[in-house]
Amino acid sequence: DGMHVYLSVKFPLYDGTGELYGIGGVATDITERRRAEEERNALQERVIEVQRSVLSELSTPIVPIADGVIALPLIGTIDDERGRNIMQALLDGVTEHRARAAILDVTGVRSVDGQVASGLLQSVRAARLLGTKVIVTGIRPEVAQAMVGLDADWSGVQIFATMRDAVAWALSREPRR
């Protein structure tokens, strides 16, 4: 019927001198065990994928500050893949919250290389294309050095030393209702 059956063989047979003269064994149908292993492996892969998704979400949290203002606090190392996730999270957050201002807080980022700094600038530009003013806060000296080394144009980016200053600036620019 096309069904696969898996069997296991248990032992070799030796004569009195220690020479192998045959293979004896008990055939055991391990089909169900194999199916269970395959199901367990598939479930484990799904769990790993969900964990990756949750970790990605936690590593790029969007925090609504006020109507039209969001923050994206970044902590840890930023590699190319995380840089892409940051851009996607920023753009999704801007769209979902209809943000006029987005604060990209890099206080928790210890260092970046030129490629990552370039990726951050691309994220800022992409959000700007959606009509959002991006504010960068918390730049450490080594991060500033990497950003300057890019010879990229950061002139259109509002930069503040602290999140508090950025929030105050963003809220002061909110349209009055």
N, C-alpha and C. Protein backbone atom coordinates (compact mmCIF):
# COMPACT_ATOMS: atom_id res chain seq x y z
N ASP A 1 0.82 -1.21 0.00
CA ASP A 1 0.00 0.00 0.00
C ASP A 1 0.86 1.27 0.00
N GLY A 2 2.16 1.14 -0.20
CA GLY A 2 3.05 2.30 -0.28
C GLY A 2 3.50 2.82 1.08
N MET A 3 3.08 2.18 2.17
CA MET A 3 3.48 2.63 3.51
C MET A 3 4.90 2.14 3.81
N HIS A 4 5.73 3.04 4.35
CA HIS A 4 7.08 2.66 4.73
C HIS A 4 7.05 2.02 6.12
N VAL A 5 7.82 0.96 6.26
CA VAL A 5 7.96 0.28 7.55
C VAL A 5 9.45 0.30 7.88
N TYR A 6 9.77 0.70 9.08
CA TYR A 6 11.15 0.76 9.52
C TYR A 6 11.38 -0.37 10.51
N LEU A 7 12.49 -1.10 10.31
CA LEU A 7 12.81 -2.22 11.17
C LEU A 7 14.19 -2.00 11.76
N SER A 8 14.44 -2.57 12.94
CA SER A 8 15.77 -2.50 13.52
C SER A 8 16.27 -3.92 13.77
N VAL A 9 17.57 -4.16 13.52
CA VAL A 9 18.20 -5.46 13.74
C VAL A 9 19.05 -5.33 14.99
N LYS A 10 19.03 -6.38 15.83
CA LYS A 10 19.60 -6.24 17.16
C LYS A 10 21.04 -6.72 17.34
N PHE A 11 21.51 -7.87 16.70
CA PHE A 11 22.82 -8.38 17.09
C PHE A 11 23.51 -9.23 16.01
N PRO A 12 24.88 -9.23 16.01
CA PRO A 12 25.65 -10.13 15.15
C PRO A 12 25.82 -11.50 15.83
N LEU A 13 26.12 -12.57 15.05
CA LEU A 13 26.36 -13.91 15.60
C LEU A 13 27.82 -14.29 15.35
N TYR A 14 28.48 -14.75 16.42
CA TYR A 14 29.89 -15.15 16.33
C TYR A 14 30.01 -16.63 16.67
N ASP A 15 31.01 -17.31 16.08
CA ASP A 15 31.25 -18.71 16.44
C ASP A 15 32.14 -18.77 17.67
N GLY A 16 32.56 -19.97 18.06
CA GLY A 16 33.38 -20.15 19.26
C GLY A 16 34.74 -19.49 19.18
N THR A 17 35.24 -19.25 17.99
CA THR A 17 36.56 -18.61 17.84
C THR A 17 36.45 -17.09 17.73
N GLY A 18 35.26 -16.61 17.78
CA GLY A 18 35.07 -15.16 17.70
C GLY A 18 34.85 -14.64 16.29
N GLU A 19 34.74 -15.57 15.35
CA GLU A 19 34.50 -15.16 13.96
C GLU A 19 33.00 -14.91 13.75
N LEU A 20 32.74 -13.87 13.01
CA LEU A 20 31.36 -13.56 12.65
C LEU A 20 30.89 -14.59 11.64
N TYR A 21 29.81 -15.29 11.94
CA TYR A 21 29.31 -16.27 10.98
C TYR A 21 27.89 -15.97 10.53
N GLY A 22 27.31 -14.94 11.06
CA GLY A 22 25.97 -14.59 10.62
C GLY A 22 25.42 -13.41 11.41
N ILE A 23 24.28 -13.00 10.99
CA ILE A 23 23.59 -11.93 11.70
C ILE A 23 22.24 -12.48 12.12
N GLY A 24 22.04 -12.42 13.40
CA GLY A 24 20.75 -12.86 13.93
C GLY A 24 20.05 -11.64 14.49
N GLY A 25 18.85 -11.73 14.61
CA GLY A 25 18.20 -10.56 15.17
C GLY A 25 16.72 -10.74 15.29
N VAL A 26 16.20 -9.73 15.90
CA VAL A 26 14.77 -9.65 16.06
C VAL A 26 14.33 -8.40 15.32
N ALA A 27 13.49 -8.57 14.36
CA ALA A 27 12.99 -7.42 13.62
C ALA A 27 11.87 -6.79 14.42
N THR A 28 12.05 -5.51 14.68
CA THR A 28 11.05 -4.77 15.44
C THR A 28 10.52 -3.65 14.56
N ASP A 29 9.24 -3.58 14.43
CA ASP A 29 8.63 -2.51 13.64
C ASP A 29 8.73 -1.22 14.45
N ILE A 30 9.54 -0.30 13.95
CA ILE A 30 9.71 0.98 14.65
C ILE A 30 9.07 2.12 13.86
N THR A 31 8.13 1.79 13.02
CA THR A 31 7.46 2.77 12.18
C THR A 31 6.81 3.88 13.01
N GLU A 32 6.10 3.49 14.04
CA GLU A 32 5.42 4.49 14.89
C GLU A 32 6.44 5.37 15.61
N ARG A 33 7.55 4.78 16.04
CA ARG A 33 8.59 5.56 16.72
C ARG A 33 9.16 6.60 15.75
N ARG A 34 9.42 6.20 14.50
CA ARG A 34 9.94 7.12 13.50
C ARG A 34 8.95 8.23 13.21
N ARG A 35 7.68 7.87 13.10
CA ARG A 35 6.66 8.90 12.85
C ARG A 35 6.62 9.89 14.01
N ALA A 36 6.68 9.36 15.22
CA ALA A 36 6.66 10.23 16.40
C ALA A 36 7.88 11.15 16.40
N GLU A 37 9.05 10.63 16.04
CA GLU A 37 10.25 11.45 15.97
C GLU A 37 10.10 12.55 14.92
N GLU A 38 9.55 12.20 13.76
CA GLU A 38 9.35 13.18 12.71
C GLU A 38 8.37 14.26 13.15
N GLU A 39 7.30 13.85 13.82
CA GLU A 39 6.33 14.83 14.32
C GLU A 39 6.96 15.73 15.37
N ARG A 40 7.76 15.12 16.26
CA ARG A 40 8.44 15.88 17.31
C ARG A 40 9.41 16.89 16.68
N ASN A 41 10.15 16.46 15.65
CA ASN A 41 11.08 17.36 14.97
C ASN A 41 10.33 18.51 14.27
N ALA A 42 9.21 18.18 13.63
CA ALA A 42 8.42 19.23 12.97
C ALA A 42 7.89 20.21 14.00
N LEU A 43 7.40 19.72 15.13
CA LEU A 43 6.90 20.58 16.20
C LEU A 43 8.03 21.45 16.75
N GLN A 44 9.20 20.86 16.92
CA GLN A 44 10.34 21.62 17.42
C GLN A 44 10.71 22.74 16.45
N GLU A 45 10.66 22.47 15.15
CA GLU A 45 10.94 23.50 14.15
C GLU A 45 9.92 24.64 14.25
N ARG A 46 8.65 24.30 14.46
CA ARG A 46 7.62 25.34 14.60
C ARG A 46 7.85 26.16 15.85
N VAL A 47 8.22 25.51 16.94
CA VAL A 47 8.50 26.22 18.20
C VAL A 47 9.68 27.17 18.01
N ILE A 48 10.72 26.69 17.33
CA ILE A 48 11.90 27.53 17.08
C ILE A 48 11.52 28.74 16.24
N GLU A 49 10.67 28.54 15.23
CA GLU A 49 10.24 29.66 14.38
C GLU A 49 9.44 30.68 15.18
N VAL A 50 8.55 30.19 16.06
CA VAL A 50 7.78 31.11 16.91
C VAL A 50 8.71 31.86 17.84
N GLN A 51 9.70 31.16 18.41
CA GLN A 51 10.67 31.82 19.29
C GLN A 51 11.45 32.89 18.54
N ARG A 52 11.87 32.59 17.31
CA ARG A 52 12.57 33.58 16.50
C ARG A 52 11.70 34.82 16.29
N SER A 53 10.44 34.57 15.99
CA SER A 53 9.52 35.67 15.75
C SER A 53 9.36 36.53 17.02
N VAL A 54 9.20 35.87 18.16
CA VAL A 54 9.04 36.59 19.43
C VAL A 54 10.32 37.36 19.75
N LEU A 55 11.48 36.72 19.57
CA LEU A 55 12.74 37.41 19.84
C LEU A 55 12.91 38.62 18.92
N SER A 56 12.53 38.45 17.67
CA SER A 56 12.62 39.56 16.73
C SER A 56 11.74 40.71 17.19
N GLU A 57 10.53 40.38 17.62
CA GLU A 57 9.60 41.40 18.10
C GLU A 57 10.14 42.09 19.35
N LEU A 58 10.72 41.30 20.26
CA LEU A 58 11.25 41.86 21.50
C LEU A 58 12.50 42.69 21.24
N SER A 59 13.27 42.33 20.21
CA SER A 59 14.50 43.06 19.95
C SER A 59 14.25 44.36 19.20
N THR A 60 13.04 44.54 18.69
CA THR A 60 12.68 45.78 18.00
C THR A 60 11.29 46.24 18.45
N PRO A 61 11.16 46.56 19.74
CA PRO A 61 9.82 46.94 20.23
C PRO A 61 9.44 48.35 19.81
N ILE A 62 8.19 48.51 19.42
CA ILE A 62 7.65 49.83 19.12
C ILE A 62 6.85 50.27 20.35
N VAL A 63 7.20 51.42 20.90
CA VAL A 63 6.55 51.93 22.10
C VAL A 63 5.80 53.21 21.74
N PRO A 64 4.46 53.17 21.78
CA PRO A 64 3.71 54.41 21.54
C PRO A 64 3.93 55.38 22.70
N ILE A 65 4.34 56.60 22.42
CA ILE A 65 4.60 57.62 23.44
C ILE A 65 3.37 58.50 23.61
N ALA A 66 2.79 58.90 22.51
CA ALA A 66 1.60 59.75 22.47
C ALA A 66 0.98 59.56 21.10
N ASP A 67 -0.18 60.16 20.88
CA ASP A 67 -0.77 60.08 19.55
C ASP A 67 0.21 60.63 18.53
N GLY A 68 0.56 59.80 17.57
CA GLY A 68 1.45 60.24 16.51
C GLY A 68 2.92 60.21 16.84
N VAL A 69 3.29 59.70 18.03
CA VAL A 69 4.71 59.64 18.42
C VAL A 69 5.01 58.23 18.93
N ILE A 70 6.02 57.60 18.31
CA ILE A 70 6.45 56.27 18.75
C ILE A 70 7.94 56.30 19.05
N ALA A 71 8.38 55.30 19.81
CA ALA A 71 9.80 55.16 20.11
C ALA A 71 10.21 53.72 19.80
N LEU A 72 11.44 53.58 19.35
CA LEU A 72 12.02 52.28 19.08
C LEU A 72 13.35 52.23 19.83
N PRO A 73 13.32 51.74 21.09
CA PRO A 73 14.57 51.64 21.85
C PRO A 73 15.37 50.42 21.40
N LEU A 74 16.63 50.63 21.09
CA LEU A 74 17.48 49.54 20.61
C LEU A 74 18.53 49.21 21.66
N ILE A 75 18.71 47.92 21.87
CA ILE A 75 19.68 47.44 22.86
C ILE A 75 20.47 46.32 22.23
N GLY A 76 21.77 46.30 22.51
CA GLY A 76 22.60 45.19 22.07
C GLY A 76 23.27 45.43 20.73
N THR A 77 23.71 44.35 20.16
CA THR A 77 24.45 44.39 18.90
C THR A 77 23.48 44.43 17.73
N ILE A 78 23.83 45.20 16.74
CA ILE A 78 23.02 45.26 15.52
C ILE A 78 23.86 44.71 14.37
N ASP A 79 23.41 43.60 13.84
CA ASP A 79 24.06 43.05 12.65
C ASP A 79 23.16 43.35 11.45
N ASP A 80 23.54 42.85 10.28
CA ASP A 80 22.78 43.16 9.07
C ASP A 80 21.33 42.71 9.17
N GLU A 81 21.12 41.48 9.66
CA GLU A 81 19.75 40.96 9.74
C GLU A 81 18.91 41.77 10.72
N ARG A 82 19.49 42.08 11.87
CA ARG A 82 18.75 42.88 12.84
C ARG A 82 18.50 44.28 12.29
N GLY A 83 19.45 44.81 11.54
CA GLY A 83 19.25 46.12 10.92
C GLY A 83 18.04 46.11 9.99
N ARG A 84 17.89 45.04 9.22
CA ARG A 84 16.72 44.92 8.35
C ARG A 84 15.44 44.82 9.18
N ASN A 85 15.51 44.06 10.29
CA ASN A 85 14.35 43.94 11.18
C ASN A 85 13.98 45.28 11.81
N ILE A 86 14.99 46.07 12.14
CA ILE A 86 14.74 47.40 12.72
C ILE A 86 14.00 48.27 11.71
N MET A 87 14.49 48.26 10.45
CA MET A 87 13.82 49.08 9.44
C MET A 87 12.38 48.62 9.27
N GLN A 88 12.15 47.32 9.20
CA GLN A 88 10.79 46.81 9.00
C GLN A 88 9.91 47.18 10.19
N ALA A 89 10.43 47.01 11.40
CA ALA A 89 9.65 47.35 12.60
C ALA A 89 9.33 48.84 12.63
N LEU A 90 10.31 49.66 12.28
CA LEU A 90 10.09 51.11 12.26
C LEU A 90 8.99 51.48 11.26
N LEU A 91 9.10 50.95 10.06
CA LEU A 91 8.11 51.27 9.02
C LEU A 91 6.73 50.73 9.38
N ASP A 92 6.69 49.51 9.94
CA ASP A 92 5.40 48.95 10.37
C ASP A 92 4.80 49.78 11.50
N GLY A 93 5.65 50.19 12.46
CA GLY A 93 5.18 51.00 13.58
C GLY A 93 4.67 52.36 13.14
N VAL A 94 5.39 52.98 12.20
CA VAL A 94 4.97 54.27 11.65
C VAL A 94 3.59 54.14 11.02
N THR A 95 3.42 53.08 10.24
CA THR A 95 2.15 52.87 9.55
C THR A 95 1.03 52.54 10.53
N GLU A 96 1.29 51.60 11.43
CA GLU A 96 0.26 51.16 12.37
C GLU A 96 -0.20 52.29 13.29
N HIS A 97 0.74 53.10 13.78
CA HIS A 97 0.41 54.15 14.75
C HIS A 97 0.23 55.52 14.11
N ARG A 98 0.30 55.56 12.78
CA ARG A 98 0.19 56.82 12.04
C ARG A 98 1.11 57.88 12.66
N ALA A 99 2.34 57.47 12.86
CA ALA A 99 3.29 58.33 13.57
C ALA A 99 3.79 59.48 12.71
N ARG A 100 3.75 60.65 13.30
CA ARG A 100 4.36 61.82 12.67
C ARG A 100 5.80 61.98 13.12
N ALA A 101 6.09 61.36 14.29
CA ALA A 101 7.47 61.40 14.81
C ALA A 101 7.81 60.02 15.35
N ALA A 102 9.04 59.59 15.07
CA ALA A 102 9.53 58.31 15.57
C ALA A 102 10.90 58.54 16.20
N ILE A 103 11.04 58.08 17.44
CA ILE A 103 12.29 58.26 18.16
C ILE A 103 13.06 56.95 18.10
N LEU A 104 14.23 56.99 17.51
CA LEU A 104 15.11 55.83 17.40
C LEU A 104 16.18 56.00 18.48
N ASP A 105 16.02 55.27 19.58
CA ASP A 105 16.91 55.42 20.73
C ASP A 105 18.01 54.37 20.68
N VAL A 106 19.25 54.80 20.48
CA VAL A 106 20.38 53.88 20.37
C VAL A 106 21.25 53.89 21.63
N THR A 107 20.68 54.32 22.75
CA THR A 107 21.43 54.37 24.00
C THR A 107 22.02 53.01 24.36
N GLY A 108 21.27 51.93 24.12
CA GLY A 108 21.72 50.59 24.49
C GLY A 108 22.58 49.90 23.46
N VAL A 109 22.95 50.61 22.40
CA VAL A 109 23.79 50.03 21.36
C VAL A 109 25.24 50.42 21.65
N ARG A 110 26.06 49.44 21.90
CA ARG A 110 27.44 49.72 22.30
C ARG A 110 28.33 50.17 21.14
N SER A 111 28.14 49.55 20.00
CA SER A 111 28.94 49.94 18.84
C SER A 111 28.25 49.50 17.56
N VAL A 112 28.58 50.21 16.50
CA VAL A 112 28.08 49.84 15.18
C VAL A 112 29.22 49.99 14.19
N ASP A 113 29.15 49.22 13.14
CA ASP A 113 30.13 49.42 12.07
C ASP A 113 29.49 50.30 11.01
N GLY A 114 30.26 50.62 10.01
CA GLY A 114 29.77 51.52 8.97
C GLY A 114 28.53 51.00 8.27
N GLN A 115 28.48 49.69 8.05
CA GLN A 115 27.35 49.10 7.35
C GLN A 115 26.06 49.24 8.17
N VAL A 116 26.17 49.02 9.47
CA VAL A 116 24.99 49.14 10.33
C VAL A 116 24.56 50.60 10.44
N ALA A 117 25.51 51.51 10.59
CA ALA A 117 25.18 52.94 10.65
C ALA A 117 24.49 53.36 9.35
N SER A 118 24.97 52.84 8.24
CA SER A 118 24.33 53.13 6.95
C SER A 118 22.90 52.59 6.93
N GLY A 119 22.71 51.39 7.49
CA GLY A 119 21.37 50.81 7.57
C GLY A 119 20.44 51.65 8.42
N LEU A 120 20.95 52.19 9.53
CA LEU A 120 20.13 53.06 10.37
C LEU A 120 19.72 54.32 9.61
N LEU A 121 20.66 54.89 8.86
CA LEU A 121 20.34 56.07 8.08
C LEU A 121 19.30 55.74 7.00
N GLN A 122 19.40 54.58 6.41
CA GLN A 122 18.39 54.15 5.42
C GLN A 122 17.02 54.01 6.08
N SER A 123 17.00 53.50 7.31
CA SER A 123 15.73 53.39 8.03
C SER A 123 15.12 54.76 8.26
N VAL A 124 15.96 55.72 8.64
CA VAL A 124 15.50 57.09 8.86
C VAL A 124 14.92 57.65 7.56
N ARG A 125 15.63 57.44 6.46
CA ARG A 125 15.17 57.96 5.17
C ARG A 125 13.86 57.30 4.74
N ALA A 126 13.76 55.98 4.96
CA ALA A 126 12.54 55.26 4.58
C ALA A 126 11.34 55.78 5.36
N ALA A 127 11.52 56.02 6.66
CA ALA A 127 10.42 56.55 7.48
C ALA A 127 10.06 57.96 7.03
N ARG A 128 11.07 58.73 6.65
CA ARG A 128 10.83 60.09 6.16
C ARG A 128 9.96 60.07 4.90
N LEU A 129 10.15 59.05 4.06
CA LEU A 129 9.33 58.93 2.85
C LEU A 129 7.87 58.67 3.19
N LEU A 130 7.61 58.16 4.40
CA LEU A 130 6.23 57.94 4.85
C LEU A 130 5.67 59.17 5.56
N GLY A 131 6.45 60.25 5.60
CA GLY A 131 5.99 61.49 6.22
C GLY A 131 6.29 61.58 7.70
N THR A 132 7.19 60.76 8.18
CA THR A 132 7.52 60.73 9.61
C THR A 132 8.87 61.37 9.86
N LYS A 133 8.93 62.23 10.85
CA LYS A 133 10.19 62.83 11.28
C LYS A 133 10.84 61.85 12.25
N VAL A 134 12.05 61.40 11.94
CA VAL A 134 12.75 60.47 12.82
C VAL A 134 13.76 61.23 13.65
N ILE A 135 13.75 60.94 14.93
CA ILE A 135 14.65 61.58 15.88
C ILE A 135 15.55 60.49 16.43
N VAL A 136 16.84 60.71 16.43
CA VAL A 136 17.79 59.74 16.95
C VAL A 136 18.29 60.25 18.29
N THR A 137 18.31 59.37 19.29
CA THR A 137 18.77 59.75 20.63
C THR A 137 19.79 58.75 21.15
N GLY A 138 20.56 59.22 22.14
CA GLY A 138 21.43 58.33 22.89
C GLY A 138 22.65 57.83 22.14
N ILE A 139 23.20 58.63 21.26
CA ILE A 139 24.36 58.19 20.49
C ILE A 139 25.61 58.21 21.36
N ARG A 140 26.24 57.05 21.49
CA ARG A 140 27.50 56.95 22.24
C ARG A 140 28.65 57.47 21.38
N PRO A 141 29.76 57.84 22.00
CA PRO A 141 30.90 58.37 21.22
C PRO A 141 31.36 57.42 20.11
N GLU A 142 31.45 56.12 20.41
CA GLU A 142 31.93 55.18 19.38
C GLU A 142 30.92 55.01 18.24
N VAL A 143 29.63 55.15 18.57
CA VAL A 143 28.60 55.10 17.53
C VAL A 143 28.66 56.36 16.68
N ALA A 144 28.87 57.51 17.35
CA ALA A 144 29.00 58.77 16.62
C ALA A 144 30.18 58.71 15.65
N GLN A 145 31.26 58.13 16.12
CA GLN A 145 32.45 58.02 15.28
C GLN A 145 32.15 57.17 14.03
N ALA A 146 31.45 56.07 14.20
CA ALA A 146 31.10 55.22 13.06
C ALA A 146 30.19 55.97 12.09
N MET A 147 29.26 56.74 12.64
CA MET A 147 28.32 57.48 11.79
C MET A 147 29.03 58.58 11.01
N VAL A 148 29.96 59.27 11.64
CA VAL A 148 30.70 60.33 10.96
C VAL A 148 31.60 59.72 9.89
N GLY A 149 32.15 58.55 10.20
CA GLY A 149 33.03 57.87 9.25
C GLY A 149 32.34 57.48 7.97
N LEU A 150 31.03 57.46 7.98
CA LEU A 150 30.26 57.11 6.78
C LEU A 150 30.31 58.19 5.72
N ASP A 151 30.55 59.40 6.16
CA ASP A 151 30.47 60.56 5.27
C ASP A 151 29.08 60.63 4.65
N ALA A 152 28.07 60.27 5.45
CA ALA A 152 26.68 60.32 4.99
C ALA A 152 26.04 61.61 5.50
N ASP A 153 24.97 61.99 4.87
CA ASP A 153 24.28 63.22 5.21
C ASP A 153 23.26 62.98 6.32
N TRP A 154 23.59 63.37 7.52
CA TRP A 154 22.68 63.25 8.66
C TRP A 154 22.00 64.59 8.95
N SER A 155 22.16 65.55 8.06
CA SER A 155 21.65 66.89 8.33
C SER A 155 20.13 66.94 8.48
N GLY A 156 19.41 66.08 7.82
CA GLY A 156 17.95 66.11 7.94
C GLY A 156 17.42 65.34 9.13
N VAL A 157 18.32 64.81 9.94
CA VAL A 157 17.91 63.98 11.08
C VAL A 157 18.03 64.79 12.37
N GLN A 158 16.94 64.85 13.11
CA GLN A 158 16.95 65.54 14.40
C GLN A 158 17.64 64.60 15.40
N ILE A 159 18.63 65.10 16.11
CA ILE A 159 19.39 64.26 17.05
C ILE A 159 19.40 64.93 18.41
N PHE A 160 19.09 64.12 19.45
CA PHE A 160 19.13 64.60 20.84
C PHE A 160 19.97 63.64 21.67
N ALA A 161 20.52 64.17 22.75
CA ALA A 161 21.35 63.35 23.63
C ALA A 161 20.52 62.34 24.41
N THR A 162 19.32 62.75 24.82
CA THR A 162 18.52 61.86 25.68
C THR A 162 17.13 61.64 25.10
N MET A 163 16.54 60.57 25.53
CA MET A 163 15.16 60.26 25.15
C MET A 163 14.22 61.34 25.66
N ARG A 164 14.47 61.83 26.86
CA ARG A 164 13.62 62.87 27.45
C ARG A 164 13.56 64.10 26.55
N ASP A 165 14.72 64.55 26.07
CA ASP A 165 14.77 65.71 25.18
C ASP A 165 14.02 65.44 23.88
N ALA A 166 14.18 64.23 23.35
CA ALA A 166 13.51 63.87 22.09
C ALA A 166 11.99 63.83 22.26
N VAL A 167 11.53 63.26 23.36
CA VAL A 167 10.09 63.20 23.62
C VAL A 167 9.52 64.61 23.77
N ALA A 168 10.22 65.45 24.53
CA ALA A 168 9.75 66.84 24.72
C ALA A 168 9.68 67.56 23.38
N TRP A 169 10.69 67.40 22.53
CA TRP A 169 10.69 68.04 21.23
C TRP A 169 9.55 67.52 20.36
N ALA A 170 9.38 66.19 20.32
CA ALA A 170 8.33 65.59 19.49
C ALA A 170 6.95 66.04 19.96
N LEU A 171 6.74 66.11 21.27
CA LEU A 171 5.42 66.51 21.77
C LEU A 171 5.17 68.00 21.54
N SER A 172 6.21 68.80 21.55
CA SER A 172 6.03 70.24 21.30
C SER A 172 5.67 70.51 19.86
N ARG A 173 5.97 69.58 18.98
CA ARG A 173 5.67 69.73 17.56
C ARG A 173 4.36 69.09 17.18
N GLU A 174 3.68 68.47 18.15
CA GLU A 174 2.37 67.87 17.91
C GLU A 174 1.36 68.94 17.56
N PRO A 175 0.55 68.71 16.56
CA PRO A 175 -0.51 69.68 16.26
C PRO A 175 -1.50 69.74 17.42
N ARG A 176 -1.92 70.91 17.75
CA ARG A 176 -2.91 71.10 18.84
C ARG A 176 -4.29 70.73 18.33
N ARG A 177 -5.11 70.11 19.19
CA ARG A 177 -6.46 69.71 18.79
C ARG A 177 -7.48 70.66 19.34
